[in-house]
Amino acid sequence: MQERIRHSIEEAISLRRAMVESLDQLDLIERITRAVIQTLRGGGRVFFCGNGGSAADAQHLAAELTGRYYKDRPPLPAEALHVNTSFLTAVANDYGYEETYARLLRGWGRAGDLLWAMSTSGNSPNILKALDTARELGMTTVGLTGATGGQMIGRCDYLLRVPSTDTPRIQEMHMLVGHIVCELVERELFG
């Protein structure tokens, strides 16, 4: 068992090393951070979405912005699109699951907002529909996915592809990137 534990930790370290050694990835994280800052400074809101573990990560990152990261400071306007289960289940039942996030964006989203979408495969139908809807509304779109990018390629203003096909490792990197962005946003906006 310890060998498997060691292997998992080594895989995670190796993936982090690949990310930190990639100037393209570091530049992309900086550009994503600047997009979030620009959105918030312009009075826009940040919406997060994902499925399963990525939904939990979306909710976590929204809470980092609305609550706090390191500093006691005013809340920032951010929300995970799945937190209203009555809405989610009604729309899934009445219109189909792929409409869940898109329909909520049509109600809340506007030009100047930002959608942060996470899908390890890049092929989740409800995430793809949300990205398409966000772009129709004039929102900035950020996508985090795995190595292939899936169908999210071409649907995002900023697409960070974690160089892995292993779902748990991809999700770990999504949270690392999300935490880095939250830290830098807080630092930039609140000193």
N, C-alpha and C. Protein backbone atom coordinates (compact mmCIF):
# COMPACT_ATOMS: atom_id res chain seq x y z
N MET A 1 0.82 -1.19 0.00
CA MET A 1 0.00 0.00 0.00
C MET A 1 0.87 1.27 0.00
N GLN A 2 1.95 1.25 0.77
CA GLN A 2 2.81 2.43 0.81
C GLN A 2 3.43 2.73 -0.55
N GLU A 3 3.68 1.69 -1.33
CA GLU A 3 4.24 1.92 -2.66
C GLU A 3 3.22 2.65 -3.54
N ARG A 4 1.95 2.28 -3.42
CA ARG A 4 0.90 2.97 -4.19
C ARG A 4 0.76 4.42 -3.73
N ILE A 5 0.85 4.63 -2.42
CA ILE A 5 0.79 5.99 -1.88
C ILE A 5 1.95 6.81 -2.45
N ARG A 6 3.14 6.25 -2.40
CA ARG A 6 4.32 6.93 -2.92
C ARG A 6 4.16 7.24 -4.41
N HIS A 7 3.64 6.27 -5.16
CA HIS A 7 3.44 6.45 -6.61
C HIS A 7 2.48 7.61 -6.89
N SER A 8 1.37 7.68 -6.16
CA SER A 8 0.39 8.76 -6.36
C SER A 8 1.00 10.12 -6.05
N ILE A 9 1.75 10.19 -4.97
CA ILE A 9 2.39 11.46 -4.62
C ILE A 9 3.43 11.84 -5.67
N GLU A 10 4.20 10.87 -6.14
CA GLU A 10 5.20 11.16 -7.17
C GLU A 10 4.55 11.62 -8.48
N GLU A 11 3.42 11.02 -8.84
CA GLU A 11 2.69 11.47 -10.04
C GLU A 11 2.26 12.93 -9.89
N ALA A 12 1.75 13.27 -8.72
CA ALA A 12 1.30 14.64 -8.47
C ALA A 12 2.47 15.62 -8.54
N ILE A 13 3.59 15.25 -7.96
CA ILE A 13 4.78 16.10 -7.99
C ILE A 13 5.27 16.27 -9.42
N SER A 14 5.29 15.20 -10.17
CA SER A 14 5.75 15.25 -11.55
C SER A 14 4.88 16.18 -12.39
N LEU A 15 3.57 16.12 -12.19
CA LEU A 15 2.66 16.98 -12.92
C LEU A 15 2.85 18.44 -12.54
N ARG A 16 3.03 18.70 -11.26
CA ARG A 16 3.30 20.07 -10.81
C ARG A 16 4.61 20.59 -11.40
N ARG A 17 5.59 19.74 -11.47
CA ARG A 17 6.88 20.12 -12.05
C ARG A 17 6.71 20.47 -13.53
N ALA A 18 5.95 19.66 -14.25
CA ALA A 18 5.70 19.95 -15.67
C ALA A 18 5.00 21.29 -15.84
N MET A 19 4.05 21.60 -14.96
CA MET A 19 3.34 22.87 -15.05
C MET A 19 4.26 24.04 -14.74
N VAL A 20 5.05 23.92 -13.70
CA VAL A 20 5.90 25.04 -13.28
C VAL A 20 7.04 25.29 -14.28
N GLU A 21 7.44 24.27 -15.01
CA GLU A 21 8.51 24.42 -16.00
C GLU A 21 8.00 24.88 -17.36
N SER A 22 6.69 25.00 -17.51
CA SER A 22 6.11 25.43 -18.78
C SER A 22 5.83 26.94 -18.74
N LEU A 23 6.61 27.70 -19.49
CA LEU A 23 6.38 29.14 -19.54
C LEU A 23 5.01 29.45 -20.12
N ASP A 24 4.54 28.63 -21.05
CA ASP A 24 3.21 28.83 -21.63
C ASP A 24 2.13 28.69 -20.57
N GLN A 25 2.25 27.68 -19.71
CA GLN A 25 1.24 27.47 -18.66
C GLN A 25 1.28 28.61 -17.66
N LEU A 26 2.47 29.03 -17.26
CA LEU A 26 2.59 30.14 -16.30
C LEU A 26 2.00 31.42 -16.89
N ASP A 27 2.28 31.67 -18.17
CA ASP A 27 1.72 32.84 -18.84
C ASP A 27 0.20 32.76 -18.89
N LEU A 28 -0.33 31.58 -19.17
CA LEU A 28 -1.78 31.41 -19.25
C LEU A 28 -2.43 31.65 -17.89
N ILE A 29 -1.84 31.14 -16.83
CA ILE A 29 -2.39 31.38 -15.49
C ILE A 29 -2.39 32.87 -15.18
N GLU A 30 -1.34 33.56 -15.57
CA GLU A 30 -1.30 35.01 -15.37
C GLU A 30 -2.40 35.71 -16.18
N ARG A 31 -2.60 35.30 -17.42
CA ARG A 31 -3.64 35.92 -18.25
C ARG A 31 -5.04 35.63 -17.70
N ILE A 32 -5.26 34.43 -17.19
CA ILE A 32 -6.54 34.11 -16.55
C ILE A 32 -6.75 35.00 -15.33
N THR A 33 -5.71 35.15 -14.53
CA THR A 33 -5.81 35.99 -13.34
C THR A 33 -6.16 37.42 -13.73
N ARG A 34 -5.49 37.94 -14.74
CA ARG A 34 -5.77 39.32 -15.20
C ARG A 34 -7.21 39.44 -15.72
N ALA A 35 -7.72 38.41 -16.36
CA ALA A 35 -9.11 38.44 -16.85
C ALA A 35 -10.09 38.49 -15.68
N VAL A 36 -9.83 37.72 -14.64
CA VAL A 36 -10.70 37.74 -13.46
C VAL A 36 -10.64 39.11 -12.80
N ILE A 37 -9.44 39.66 -12.65
CA ILE A 37 -9.29 40.99 -12.05
C ILE A 37 -10.03 42.03 -12.88
N GLN A 38 -9.87 41.99 -14.18
CA GLN A 38 -10.54 42.95 -15.06
C GLN A 38 -12.06 42.83 -14.93
N THR A 39 -12.56 41.61 -14.86
CA THR A 39 -14.00 41.37 -14.70
C THR A 39 -14.49 42.02 -13.41
N LEU A 40 -13.80 41.75 -12.31
CA LEU A 40 -14.25 42.26 -11.02
C LEU A 40 -14.10 43.77 -10.92
N ARG A 41 -13.02 44.31 -11.44
CA ARG A 41 -12.84 45.77 -11.43
C ARG A 41 -13.90 46.46 -12.28
N GLY A 42 -14.37 45.80 -13.32
CA GLY A 42 -15.38 46.37 -14.20
C GLY A 42 -16.80 46.18 -13.70
N GLY A 43 -16.97 45.63 -12.51
CA GLY A 43 -18.30 45.43 -11.96
C GLY A 43 -18.95 44.12 -12.38
N GLY A 44 -18.19 43.24 -13.03
CA GLY A 44 -18.72 41.95 -13.44
C GLY A 44 -18.68 40.92 -12.34
N ARG A 45 -19.29 39.79 -12.62
CA ARG A 45 -19.35 38.68 -11.69
C ARG A 45 -18.63 37.48 -12.29
N VAL A 46 -18.19 36.58 -11.41
CA VAL A 46 -17.51 35.36 -11.83
C VAL A 46 -18.41 34.18 -11.50
N PHE A 47 -18.76 33.42 -12.52
CA PHE A 47 -19.57 32.22 -12.35
C PHE A 47 -18.69 31.00 -12.59
N PHE A 48 -18.85 29.99 -11.76
CA PHE A 48 -18.09 28.75 -11.87
C PHE A 48 -19.04 27.60 -12.18
N CYS A 49 -18.55 26.62 -12.95
CA CYS A 49 -19.36 25.41 -13.17
C CYS A 49 -18.47 24.20 -13.40
N GLY A 50 -19.01 23.06 -13.04
CA GLY A 50 -18.36 21.77 -13.22
C GLY A 50 -19.34 20.69 -12.82
N ASN A 51 -18.97 19.45 -13.00
CA ASN A 51 -19.80 18.30 -12.62
C ASN A 51 -19.03 17.43 -11.64
N GLY A 52 -19.74 16.80 -10.72
CA GLY A 52 -19.10 15.89 -9.78
C GLY A 52 -18.04 16.59 -8.94
N GLY A 53 -16.82 16.04 -8.96
CA GLY A 53 -15.73 16.65 -8.21
C GLY A 53 -15.43 18.05 -8.69
N SER A 54 -15.59 18.30 -9.97
CA SER A 54 -15.37 19.65 -10.50
C SER A 54 -16.44 20.62 -10.02
N ALA A 55 -17.65 20.14 -9.75
CA ALA A 55 -18.68 21.00 -9.15
C ALA A 55 -18.27 21.38 -7.73
N ALA A 56 -17.74 20.41 -6.99
CA ALA A 56 -17.26 20.72 -5.64
C ALA A 56 -16.13 21.74 -5.70
N ASP A 57 -15.24 21.58 -6.67
CA ASP A 57 -14.14 22.53 -6.83
C ASP A 57 -14.67 23.90 -7.23
N ALA A 58 -15.68 23.95 -8.10
CA ALA A 58 -16.29 25.21 -8.51
C ALA A 58 -16.87 25.94 -7.31
N GLN A 59 -17.57 25.21 -6.47
CA GLN A 59 -18.16 25.80 -5.28
C GLN A 59 -17.08 26.29 -4.33
N HIS A 60 -16.03 25.52 -4.18
CA HIS A 60 -14.90 25.89 -3.32
C HIS A 60 -14.29 27.21 -3.79
N LEU A 61 -14.02 27.33 -5.09
CA LEU A 61 -13.37 28.54 -5.61
C LEU A 61 -14.29 29.75 -5.51
N ALA A 62 -15.58 29.58 -5.75
CA ALA A 62 -16.52 30.68 -5.57
C ALA A 62 -16.50 31.16 -4.12
N ALA A 63 -16.42 30.22 -3.19
CA ALA A 63 -16.37 30.59 -1.77
C ALA A 63 -15.08 31.33 -1.42
N GLU A 64 -13.98 30.99 -2.08
CA GLU A 64 -12.72 31.71 -1.82
C GLU A 64 -12.86 33.18 -2.20
N LEU A 65 -13.61 33.46 -3.27
CA LEU A 65 -13.79 34.85 -3.70
C LEU A 65 -14.85 35.58 -2.88
N THR A 66 -15.96 34.92 -2.57
CA THR A 66 -17.02 35.61 -1.83
C THR A 66 -16.71 35.68 -0.34
N GLY A 67 -15.96 34.73 0.15
CA GLY A 67 -15.61 34.72 1.57
C GLY A 67 -14.31 35.46 1.80
N ARG A 68 -13.25 34.72 1.78
CA ARG A 68 -11.91 35.27 1.94
C ARG A 68 -10.92 34.23 1.48
N TYR A 69 -9.74 34.69 1.16
CA TYR A 69 -8.64 33.76 0.89
C TYR A 69 -7.66 33.89 2.05
N TYR A 70 -6.84 34.93 2.02
CA TYR A 70 -5.97 35.21 3.16
C TYR A 70 -6.45 36.39 4.00
N LYS A 71 -7.14 37.33 3.39
CA LYS A 71 -7.43 38.61 4.03
C LYS A 71 -8.90 38.75 4.39
N ASP A 72 -9.14 39.47 5.50
CA ASP A 72 -10.49 39.93 5.78
C ASP A 72 -10.72 41.12 4.85
N ARG A 73 -11.71 41.00 3.99
CA ARG A 73 -11.95 42.02 2.98
C ARG A 73 -13.39 41.88 2.49
N PRO A 74 -13.87 42.87 1.74
CA PRO A 74 -15.25 42.76 1.22
C PRO A 74 -15.39 41.53 0.30
N PRO A 75 -16.58 40.97 0.23
CA PRO A 75 -16.80 39.82 -0.64
C PRO A 75 -16.75 40.23 -2.11
N LEU A 76 -16.32 39.32 -2.93
CA LEU A 76 -16.32 39.53 -4.38
C LEU A 76 -17.50 38.76 -4.98
N PRO A 77 -18.12 39.27 -6.04
CA PRO A 77 -19.30 38.62 -6.62
C PRO A 77 -18.94 37.38 -7.43
N ALA A 78 -19.13 36.22 -6.82
CA ALA A 78 -18.83 34.95 -7.46
C ALA A 78 -19.84 33.91 -6.98
N GLU A 79 -20.18 32.97 -7.87
CA GLU A 79 -21.12 31.91 -7.50
C GLU A 79 -20.89 30.68 -8.36
N ALA A 80 -21.11 29.53 -7.77
CA ALA A 80 -21.11 28.27 -8.50
C ALA A 80 -22.53 28.04 -9.00
N LEU A 81 -22.68 27.68 -10.25
CA LEU A 81 -24.00 27.62 -10.88
C LEU A 81 -24.86 26.44 -10.43
N HIS A 82 -24.33 25.53 -9.68
CA HIS A 82 -25.09 24.33 -9.31
C HIS A 82 -25.67 24.38 -7.89
N VAL A 83 -25.48 25.47 -7.17
CA VAL A 83 -25.81 25.44 -5.74
C VAL A 83 -27.32 25.49 -5.44
N ASN A 84 -28.14 25.86 -6.41
CA ASN A 84 -29.58 25.87 -6.20
C ASN A 84 -30.15 24.55 -6.74
N THR A 85 -30.28 23.56 -5.86
CA THR A 85 -30.68 22.22 -6.31
C THR A 85 -32.11 22.20 -6.85
N SER A 86 -33.00 23.04 -6.34
CA SER A 86 -34.37 23.07 -6.87
C SER A 86 -34.35 23.52 -8.33
N PHE A 87 -33.59 24.58 -8.63
CA PHE A 87 -33.46 25.04 -10.01
C PHE A 87 -32.82 23.95 -10.87
N LEU A 88 -31.71 23.40 -10.39
CA LEU A 88 -30.95 22.42 -11.15
C LEU A 88 -31.81 21.21 -11.52
N THR A 89 -32.54 20.69 -10.55
CA THR A 89 -33.33 19.49 -10.83
C THR A 89 -34.56 19.82 -11.68
N ALA A 90 -35.14 20.99 -11.50
CA ALA A 90 -36.29 21.37 -12.33
C ALA A 90 -35.88 21.53 -13.79
N VAL A 91 -34.78 22.24 -14.03
CA VAL A 91 -34.33 22.45 -15.41
C VAL A 91 -33.88 21.13 -16.03
N ALA A 92 -33.17 20.31 -15.26
CA ALA A 92 -32.75 19.00 -15.79
C ALA A 92 -33.97 18.17 -16.17
N ASN A 93 -35.00 18.22 -15.35
CA ASN A 93 -36.22 17.46 -15.62
C ASN A 93 -36.99 18.03 -16.81
N ASP A 94 -37.13 19.34 -16.86
CA ASP A 94 -37.99 19.97 -17.87
C ASP A 94 -37.30 20.19 -19.21
N TYR A 95 -35.99 20.46 -19.20
CA TYR A 95 -35.28 20.83 -20.43
C TYR A 95 -34.12 19.90 -20.78
N GLY A 96 -33.68 19.09 -19.83
CA GLY A 96 -32.53 18.22 -20.03
C GLY A 96 -31.32 18.75 -19.30
N TYR A 97 -30.49 17.83 -18.85
CA TYR A 97 -29.35 18.22 -18.01
C TYR A 97 -28.38 19.17 -18.73
N GLU A 98 -28.25 19.03 -20.03
CA GLU A 98 -27.29 19.88 -20.73
C GLU A 98 -27.69 21.36 -20.69
N GLU A 99 -28.93 21.66 -20.35
CA GLU A 99 -29.41 23.06 -20.29
C GLU A 99 -29.21 23.70 -18.92
N THR A 100 -28.83 22.94 -17.91
CA THR A 100 -28.85 23.45 -16.53
C THR A 100 -28.06 24.75 -16.37
N TYR A 101 -26.80 24.75 -16.73
CA TYR A 101 -25.97 25.94 -16.51
C TYR A 101 -26.28 27.03 -17.54
N ALA A 102 -26.57 26.64 -18.76
CA ALA A 102 -26.87 27.62 -19.81
C ALA A 102 -28.11 28.43 -19.44
N ARG A 103 -29.12 27.76 -18.93
CA ARG A 103 -30.37 28.47 -18.59
C ARG A 103 -30.12 29.47 -17.46
N LEU A 104 -29.36 29.08 -16.47
CA LEU A 104 -29.07 29.99 -15.37
C LEU A 104 -28.24 31.18 -15.86
N LEU A 105 -27.32 30.94 -16.76
CA LEU A 105 -26.54 32.05 -17.33
C LEU A 105 -27.43 33.01 -18.10
N ARG A 106 -28.42 32.48 -18.81
CA ARG A 106 -29.34 33.36 -19.54
C ARG A 106 -30.11 34.26 -18.59
N GLY A 107 -30.34 33.78 -17.37
CA GLY A 107 -31.04 34.59 -16.37
C GLY A 107 -30.14 35.57 -15.65
N TRP A 108 -28.91 35.17 -15.37
CA TRP A 108 -28.02 35.99 -14.54
C TRP A 108 -26.88 36.65 -15.31
N GLY A 109 -26.38 35.98 -16.33
CA GLY A 109 -25.15 36.42 -16.99
C GLY A 109 -25.37 37.64 -17.87
N ARG A 110 -24.30 38.40 -18.00
CA ARG A 110 -24.34 39.57 -18.88
C ARG A 110 -22.93 39.85 -19.39
N ALA A 111 -22.86 40.67 -20.42
CA ALA A 111 -21.55 41.06 -20.94
C ALA A 111 -20.74 41.68 -19.80
N GLY A 112 -19.48 41.33 -19.74
CA GLY A 112 -18.62 41.83 -18.66
C GLY A 112 -18.45 40.84 -17.53
N ASP A 113 -19.28 39.79 -17.49
CA ASP A 113 -19.10 38.72 -16.50
C ASP A 113 -18.10 37.71 -17.04
N LEU A 114 -17.75 36.75 -16.20
CA LEU A 114 -16.79 35.71 -16.58
C LEU A 114 -17.32 34.35 -16.15
N LEU A 115 -17.25 33.39 -17.05
CA LEU A 115 -17.58 32.00 -16.73
C LEU A 115 -16.29 31.20 -16.64
N TRP A 116 -16.10 30.51 -15.51
CA TRP A 116 -14.96 29.64 -15.25
C TRP A 116 -15.51 28.22 -15.27
N ALA A 117 -15.20 27.46 -16.31
CA ALA A 117 -15.77 26.13 -16.51
C ALA A 117 -14.70 25.06 -16.36
N MET A 118 -15.02 24.00 -15.62
CA MET A 118 -14.07 22.91 -15.39
C MET A 118 -14.67 21.58 -15.84
N SER A 119 -13.90 20.88 -16.67
CA SER A 119 -14.28 19.55 -17.14
C SER A 119 -13.00 18.79 -17.44
N THR A 120 -12.77 17.70 -16.75
CA THR A 120 -11.51 16.97 -16.96
C THR A 120 -11.40 16.43 -18.38
N SER A 121 -12.54 16.05 -18.97
CA SER A 121 -12.53 15.53 -20.34
C SER A 121 -12.63 16.63 -21.38
N GLY A 122 -13.26 17.73 -21.00
CA GLY A 122 -13.53 18.80 -21.95
C GLY A 122 -14.73 18.51 -22.82
N ASN A 123 -15.51 17.48 -22.47
CA ASN A 123 -16.62 17.06 -23.32
C ASN A 123 -17.98 17.02 -22.63
N SER A 124 -18.10 17.58 -21.45
CA SER A 124 -19.38 17.54 -20.72
C SER A 124 -20.41 18.41 -21.43
N PRO A 125 -21.52 17.82 -21.88
CA PRO A 125 -22.49 18.60 -22.67
C PRO A 125 -23.01 19.85 -21.97
N ASN A 126 -23.26 19.79 -20.67
CA ASN A 126 -23.79 20.97 -19.98
C ASN A 126 -22.73 22.07 -19.85
N ILE A 127 -21.47 21.68 -19.75
CA ILE A 127 -20.38 22.66 -19.69
C ILE A 127 -20.21 23.32 -21.06
N LEU A 128 -20.25 22.51 -22.11
CA LEU A 128 -20.11 23.05 -23.47
C LEU A 128 -21.24 24.03 -23.78
N LYS A 129 -22.46 23.68 -23.41
CA LYS A 129 -23.62 24.55 -23.64
C LYS A 129 -23.48 25.84 -22.84
N ALA A 130 -22.97 25.74 -21.62
CA ALA A 130 -22.75 26.94 -20.80
C ALA A 130 -21.71 27.85 -21.44
N LEU A 131 -20.63 27.27 -21.94
CA LEU A 131 -19.59 28.07 -22.61
C LEU A 131 -20.16 28.77 -23.84
N ASP A 132 -20.94 28.05 -24.63
CA ASP A 132 -21.55 28.66 -25.83
C ASP A 132 -22.48 29.80 -25.43
N THR A 133 -23.27 29.59 -24.41
CA THR A 133 -24.21 30.62 -23.95
C THR A 133 -23.46 31.83 -23.41
N ALA A 134 -22.41 31.60 -22.63
CA ALA A 134 -21.61 32.70 -22.08
C ALA A 134 -21.04 33.55 -23.21
N ARG A 135 -20.54 32.92 -24.24
CA ARG A 135 -19.97 33.67 -25.36
C ARG A 135 -21.05 34.46 -26.09
N GLU A 136 -22.24 33.87 -26.25
CA GLU A 136 -23.36 34.59 -26.87
C GLU A 136 -23.72 35.84 -26.08
N LEU A 137 -23.57 35.76 -24.75
CA LEU A 137 -23.91 36.88 -23.87
C LEU A 137 -22.79 37.92 -23.78
N GLY A 138 -21.64 37.63 -24.37
CA GLY A 138 -20.52 38.56 -24.30
C GLY A 138 -19.69 38.42 -23.04
N MET A 139 -19.77 37.26 -22.41
CA MET A 139 -18.97 37.00 -21.21
C MET A 139 -17.59 36.50 -21.62
N THR A 140 -16.62 36.70 -20.75
CA THR A 140 -15.30 36.10 -20.91
C THR A 140 -15.41 34.64 -20.48
N THR A 141 -14.75 33.74 -21.19
CA THR A 141 -14.83 32.31 -20.85
C THR A 141 -13.44 31.76 -20.53
N VAL A 142 -13.37 31.09 -19.38
CA VAL A 142 -12.15 30.41 -18.93
C VAL A 142 -12.49 28.94 -18.81
N GLY A 143 -11.66 28.09 -19.35
CA GLY A 143 -11.85 26.65 -19.24
C GLY A 143 -10.63 25.98 -18.65
N LEU A 144 -10.86 25.03 -17.78
CA LEU A 144 -9.80 24.18 -17.25
C LEU A 144 -10.18 22.75 -17.57
N THR A 145 -9.25 22.02 -18.19
CA THR A 145 -9.54 20.66 -18.63
C THR A 145 -8.28 19.82 -18.55
N GLY A 146 -8.33 18.64 -19.14
CA GLY A 146 -7.17 17.75 -19.19
C GLY A 146 -6.38 17.95 -20.47
N ALA A 147 -5.48 17.04 -20.73
CA ALA A 147 -4.49 17.19 -21.81
C ALA A 147 -5.11 17.40 -23.18
N THR A 148 -6.19 16.70 -23.49
CA THR A 148 -6.73 16.78 -24.85
C THR A 148 -7.52 18.05 -25.09
N GLY A 149 -8.10 18.61 -24.06
CA GLY A 149 -8.95 19.79 -24.20
C GLY A 149 -10.36 19.46 -24.65
N GLY A 150 -10.52 18.31 -25.28
CA GLY A 150 -11.84 17.89 -25.73
C GLY A 150 -12.52 18.94 -26.58
N GLN A 151 -13.84 18.99 -26.47
CA GLN A 151 -14.63 19.93 -27.26
C GLN A 151 -14.62 21.35 -26.69
N MET A 152 -13.92 21.55 -25.58
CA MET A 152 -13.79 22.90 -25.03
C MET A 152 -12.83 23.74 -25.89
N ILE A 153 -12.00 23.08 -26.68
CA ILE A 153 -11.10 23.82 -27.57
C ILE A 153 -11.95 24.67 -28.52
N GLY A 154 -11.61 25.93 -28.61
CA GLY A 154 -12.34 26.86 -29.47
C GLY A 154 -13.55 27.49 -28.81
N ARG A 155 -13.90 27.04 -27.62
CA ARG A 155 -15.06 27.60 -26.91
C ARG A 155 -14.64 28.52 -25.77
N CYS A 156 -13.36 28.65 -25.51
CA CYS A 156 -12.87 29.41 -24.36
C CYS A 156 -11.92 30.51 -24.81
N ASP A 157 -12.05 31.66 -24.16
CA ASP A 157 -11.07 32.73 -24.37
C ASP A 157 -9.72 32.30 -23.81
N TYR A 158 -9.76 31.58 -22.71
CA TYR A 158 -8.56 31.06 -22.05
C TYR A 158 -8.82 29.60 -21.71
N LEU A 159 -8.02 28.70 -22.25
CA LEU A 159 -8.19 27.26 -21.98
C LEU A 159 -6.89 26.70 -21.43
N LEU A 160 -6.92 26.31 -20.15
CA LEU A 160 -5.78 25.69 -19.51
C LEU A 160 -5.95 24.19 -19.56
N ARG A 161 -5.06 23.53 -20.28
CA ARG A 161 -5.10 22.07 -20.43
C ARG A 161 -4.00 21.47 -19.56
N VAL A 162 -4.41 20.84 -18.48
CA VAL A 162 -3.46 20.16 -17.60
C VAL A 162 -2.87 18.98 -18.37
N PRO A 163 -1.54 18.86 -18.42
CA PRO A 163 -0.92 17.81 -19.23
C PRO A 163 -1.03 16.42 -18.59
N SER A 164 -2.26 15.93 -18.48
CA SER A 164 -2.53 14.62 -17.89
C SER A 164 -3.88 14.13 -18.40
N THR A 165 -4.07 12.81 -18.37
CA THR A 165 -5.37 12.21 -18.67
C THR A 165 -5.94 11.51 -17.44
N ASP A 166 -5.30 11.67 -16.29
CA ASP A 166 -5.71 11.05 -15.04
C ASP A 166 -6.62 12.02 -14.28
N THR A 167 -7.91 11.69 -14.19
CA THR A 167 -8.91 12.60 -13.62
C THR A 167 -8.52 13.15 -12.24
N PRO A 168 -8.14 12.32 -11.26
CA PRO A 168 -7.79 12.91 -9.96
C PRO A 168 -6.62 13.89 -10.05
N ARG A 169 -5.61 13.58 -10.84
CA ARG A 169 -4.45 14.50 -10.96
C ARG A 169 -4.88 15.80 -11.64
N ILE A 170 -5.75 15.70 -12.65
CA ILE A 170 -6.25 16.90 -13.34
C ILE A 170 -7.00 17.78 -12.35
N GLN A 171 -7.88 17.17 -11.56
CA GLN A 171 -8.67 17.94 -10.59
C GLN A 171 -7.77 18.59 -9.54
N GLU A 172 -6.73 17.90 -9.12
CA GLU A 172 -5.79 18.50 -8.17
C GLU A 172 -5.14 19.74 -8.76
N MET A 173 -4.78 19.67 -10.02
CA MET A 173 -4.15 20.83 -10.67
C MET A 173 -5.16 21.95 -10.88
N HIS A 174 -6.41 21.61 -11.16
CA HIS A 174 -7.42 22.65 -11.30
C HIS A 174 -7.54 23.44 -10.00
N MET A 175 -7.52 22.74 -8.87
CA MET A 175 -7.62 23.44 -7.60
C MET A 175 -6.36 24.25 -7.31
N LEU A 176 -5.20 23.73 -7.66
CA LEU A 176 -3.97 24.50 -7.46
C LEU A 176 -4.03 25.79 -8.27
N VAL A 177 -4.40 25.68 -9.53
CA VAL A 177 -4.51 26.87 -10.38
C VAL A 177 -5.56 27.82 -9.82
N GLY A 178 -6.70 27.28 -9.42
CA GLY A 178 -7.76 28.12 -8.84
C GLY A 178 -7.30 28.85 -7.60
N HIS A 179 -6.58 28.16 -6.73
CA HIS A 179 -6.07 28.80 -5.52
C HIS A 179 -5.06 29.90 -5.85
N ILE A 180 -4.20 29.63 -6.81
CA ILE A 180 -3.23 30.65 -7.22
C ILE A 180 -3.97 31.89 -7.72
N VAL A 181 -4.95 31.69 -8.57
CA VAL A 181 -5.71 32.83 -9.11
C VAL A 181 -6.41 33.58 -7.98
N CYS A 182 -7.06 32.88 -7.07
CA CYS A 182 -7.75 33.55 -5.95
C CYS A 182 -6.77 34.36 -5.11
N GLU A 183 -5.62 33.79 -4.84
CA GLU A 183 -4.61 34.51 -4.06
C GLU A 183 -4.18 35.79 -4.76
N LEU A 184 -3.90 35.68 -6.05
CA LEU A 184 -3.41 36.85 -6.79
C LEU A 184 -4.50 37.90 -7.00
N VAL A 185 -5.73 37.47 -7.20
CA VAL A 185 -6.85 38.40 -7.32
C VAL A 185 -7.00 39.17 -6.02
N GLU A 186 -7.01 38.48 -4.91
CA GLU A 186 -7.15 39.14 -3.61
C GLU A 186 -6.01 40.12 -3.37
N ARG A 187 -4.80 39.70 -3.67
CA ARG A 187 -3.63 40.56 -3.47
C ARG A 187 -3.72 41.82 -4.34
N GLU A 188 -4.13 41.64 -5.59
CA GLU A 188 -4.20 42.78 -6.52
C GLU A 188 -5.32 43.75 -6.13
N LEU A 189 -6.46 43.22 -5.73
CA LEU A 189 -7.61 44.09 -5.44
C LEU A 189 -7.57 44.69 -4.04
N PHE A 190 -6.90 44.02 -3.11
CA PHE A 190 -6.94 44.47 -1.71
C PHE A 190 -5.57 44.69 -1.09
N GLY A 191 -4.51 44.64 -1.88
CA GLY A 191 -3.17 44.95 -1.39
C GLY A 191 -2.54 43.90 -0.53
